[in-house]
Amino acid sequence: MKKTLILKTKENVVVFKGRPITLPIKEAAIKAVCIELFDDADPCIIHESYASQTIIDRFLETFDGPVKDVSLAHVKDLETWLDLLDPKDLYLTIEGKS
């Protein structure tokens, strides 16, 4: 089974539900990781995809064990890459397994 991420507001409004790879990531963050990993300021789609997956993997590594309505307020630099309004005010649930 694949993982499904659910991001909700404190009012329990779902602002994102989907596979991790479909999280909205800011273009500037993807380019920054492409430069970090590949020294590529004008990345191709393959480098962009790999950079997106790297960002998501780093994000998911910050959680240990089951995740149900966990506040994202503690996640470092979240607002620099997650392209959602007020990402620090969101709550995460992870369904399924990797």
C-alpha atoms as a PDB file:
ATOM      1  CA  MET A   1       0.000   0.000   0.000  1.00  0.00           C
ATOM      2  CA  LYS A   2       1.212   3.484  -0.772  1.00  0.00           C
ATOM      3  CA  LYS A   3       1.358   6.342   1.698  1.00  0.00           C
ATOM      4  CA  THR A   4      -1.290   9.024   1.637  1.00  0.00           C
ATOM      5  CA  LEU A   5      -0.616  12.354   3.309  1.00  0.00           C
ATOM      6  CA  ILE A   6      -3.459  14.429   4.712  1.00  0.00           C
ATOM      7  CA  LEU A   7      -2.852  18.035   5.736  1.00  0.00           C
ATOM      8  CA  LYS A   8      -5.593  19.758   7.717  1.00  0.00           C
ATOM      9  CA  THR A   9      -6.123  23.082   9.407  1.00  0.00           C
ATOM     10  CA  LYS A  10      -6.921  23.298  13.120  1.00  0.00           C
ATOM     11  CA  GLU A  11     -10.563  23.647  12.029  1.00  0.00           C
ATOM     12  CA  ASN A  12     -10.234  20.161  10.465  1.00  0.00           C
ATOM     13  CA  VAL A  13     -10.410  21.465   6.873  1.00  0.00           C
ATOM     14  CA  VAL A  14      -8.397  19.267   4.492  1.00  0.00           C
ATOM     15  CA  VAL A  15      -6.050  21.405   2.390  1.00  0.00           C
ATOM     16  CA  PHE A  16      -4.116  18.509   0.849  1.00  0.00           C
ATOM     17  CA  LYS A  17      -4.712  14.793   0.444  1.00  0.00           C
ATOM     18  CA  GLY A  18      -2.569  12.689  -1.824  1.00  0.00           C
ATOM     19  CA  ARG A  19       0.629  10.782  -2.381  1.00  0.00           C
ATOM     20  CA  PRO A  20       3.776  12.397  -1.000  1.00  0.00           C
ATOM     21  CA  ILE A  21       5.204  13.060  -4.470  1.00  0.00           C
ATOM     22  CA  THR A  22       2.197  15.269  -5.255  1.00  0.00           C
ATOM     23  CA  LEU A  23       2.835  17.690  -2.364  1.00  0.00           C
ATOM     24  CA  PRO A  24       2.983  21.263  -3.668  1.00  0.00           C
ATOM     25  CA  ILE A  25       6.652  22.260  -3.518  1.00  0.00           C
ATOM     26  CA  LYS A  26       7.909  25.729  -4.291  1.00  0.00           C
ATOM     27  CA  GLU A  27       9.929  25.983  -7.509  1.00  0.00           C
ATOM     28  CA  ALA A  28      12.688  27.913  -5.715  1.00  0.00           C
ATOM     29  CA  ALA A  29      13.123  25.029  -3.258  1.00  0.00           C
ATOM     30  CA  ILE A  30      13.387  22.492  -6.072  1.00  0.00           C
ATOM     31  CA  LYS A  31      16.006  24.611  -7.847  1.00  0.00           C
ATOM     32  CA  ALA A  32      17.963  25.060  -4.606  1.00  0.00           C
ATOM     33  CA  VAL A  33      18.127  21.295  -4.101  1.00  0.00           C
ATOM     34  CA  CYS A  34      19.108  20.796  -7.759  1.00  0.00           C
ATOM     35  CA  ILE A  35      22.007  23.185  -7.215  1.00  0.00           C
ATOM     36  CA  GLU A  36      22.913  21.414  -3.957  1.00  0.00           C
ATOM     37  CA  LEU A  37      22.821  17.913  -5.471  1.00  0.00           C
ATOM     38  CA  PHE A  38      23.752  18.430  -9.111  1.00  0.00           C
ATOM     39  CA  ASP A  39      25.237  21.939  -9.319  1.00  0.00           C
ATOM     40  CA  ASP A  40      22.467  22.547 -11.858  1.00  0.00           C
ATOM     41  CA  ALA A  41      20.761  25.957 -11.870  1.00  0.00           C
ATOM     42  CA  ASP A  42      18.708  25.054 -14.966  1.00  0.00           C
ATOM     43  CA  PRO A  43      17.564  21.512 -14.111  1.00  0.00           C
ATOM     44  CA  CYS A  44      15.903  19.039 -16.414  1.00  0.00           C
ATOM     45  CA  ILE A  45      12.711  17.251 -15.374  1.00  0.00           C
ATOM     46  CA  ILE A  46      14.716  14.263 -14.096  1.00  0.00           C
ATOM     47  CA  HIS A  47      16.758  16.442 -11.740  1.00  0.00           C
ATOM     48  CA  GLU A  48      13.626  18.318 -10.678  1.00  0.00           C
ATOM     49  CA  SER A  49      11.820  15.053  -9.903  1.00  0.00           C
ATOM     50  CA  TYR A  50      14.762  13.749  -7.913  1.00  0.00           C
ATOM     51  CA  ALA A  51      15.013  17.042  -6.005  1.00  0.00           C
ATOM     52  CA  SER A  52      11.281  16.933  -5.200  1.00  0.00           C
ATOM     53  CA  GLN A  53      11.593  13.380  -3.911  1.00  0.00           C
ATOM     54  CA  THR A  54      14.624  14.398  -1.824  1.00  0.00           C
ATOM     55  CA  ILE A  55      12.672  17.257  -0.239  1.00  0.00           C
ATOM     56  CA  ILE A  56       9.768  14.928   0.560  1.00  0.00           C
ATOM     57  CA  ASP A  57      12.066  12.231   1.966  1.00  0.00           C
ATOM     58  CA  ARG A  58      13.754  14.767   4.253  1.00  0.00           C
ATOM     59  CA  PHE A  59      10.342  15.956   5.422  1.00  0.00           C
ATOM     60  CA  LEU A  60       9.026  12.454   6.150  1.00  0.00           C
ATOM     61  CA  GLU A  61      12.211  11.528   8.037  1.00  0.00           C
ATOM     62  CA  THR A  62      11.259  14.085  10.699  1.00  0.00           C
ATOM     63  CA  PHE A  63       8.400  11.849  11.862  1.00  0.00           C
ATOM     64  CA  ASP A  64       8.918   8.763  13.954  1.00  0.00           C
ATOM     65  CA  GLY A  65       6.182   6.172  14.231  1.00  0.00           C
ATOM     66  CA  PRO A  66       2.482   6.557  13.456  1.00  0.00           C
ATOM     67  CA  VAL A  67       1.372   9.992  12.379  1.00  0.00           C
ATOM     68  CA  LYS A  68      -2.167  11.145  13.150  1.00  0.00           C
ATOM     69  CA  ASP A  69      -3.014  14.844  13.347  1.00  0.00           C
ATOM     70  CA  VAL A  70       0.544  15.861  14.248  1.00  0.00           C
ATOM     71  CA  SER A  71       1.242  19.585  14.269  1.00  0.00           C
ATOM     72  CA  LEU A  72       3.757  20.777  11.678  1.00  0.00           C
ATOM     73  CA  ALA A  73       4.779  23.749  13.827  1.00  0.00           C
ATOM     74  CA  HIS A  74       8.045  22.007  14.789  1.00  0.00           C
ATOM     75  CA  VAL A  75       9.158  21.183  11.235  1.00  0.00           C
ATOM     76  CA  LYS A  76      12.233  23.222  10.379  1.00  0.00           C
ATOM     77  CA  ASP A  77      12.127  25.357   7.196  1.00  0.00           C
ATOM     78  CA  LEU A  78       8.690  24.054   6.213  1.00  0.00           C
ATOM     79  CA  GLU A  79       7.551  27.425   4.902  1.00  0.00           C
ATOM     80  CA  THR A  80      10.585  27.614   2.582  1.00  0.00           C
ATOM     81  CA  TRP A  81       9.494  24.650   0.489  1.00  0.00           C
ATOM     82  CA  LEU A  82       5.843  23.705   1.115  1.00  0.00           C
ATOM     83  CA  ASP A  83       3.661  25.769  -1.205  1.00  0.00           C
ATOM     84  CA  LEU A  84       0.595  26.027   1.030  1.00  0.00           C
ATOM     85  CA  LEU A  85      -0.736  28.954   3.016  1.00  0.00           C
ATOM     86  CA  ASP A  86       0.497  28.964   6.640  1.00  0.00           C
ATOM     87  CA  PRO A  87       2.121  25.501   6.556  1.00  0.00           C
ATOM     88  CA  LYS A  88       3.213  25.757  10.216  1.00  0.00           C
ATOM     89  CA  ASP A  89      -0.478  25.892  11.222  1.00  0.00           C
ATOM     90  CA  LEU A  90      -1.262  22.542   9.587  1.00  0.00           C
ATOM     91  CA  TYR A  91      -1.649  19.037  11.004  1.00  0.00           C
ATOM     92  CA  LEU A  92      -0.383  15.899   9.270  1.00  0.00           C
ATOM     93  CA  THR A  93      -1.788  12.388   9.097  1.00  0.00           C
ATOM     94  CA  ILE A  94      -0.012   9.625   7.177  1.00  0.00           C
ATOM     95  CA  GLU A  95      -2.111   6.680   6.052  1.00  0.00           C
ATOM     96  CA  GLY A  96      -0.776   3.445   4.598  1.00  0.00           C
ATOM     97  CA  LYS A  97       2.752   2.115   4.460  1.00  0.00           C
ATOM     98  CA  SER A  98       5.762   2.627   2.253  1.00  0.00           C
END
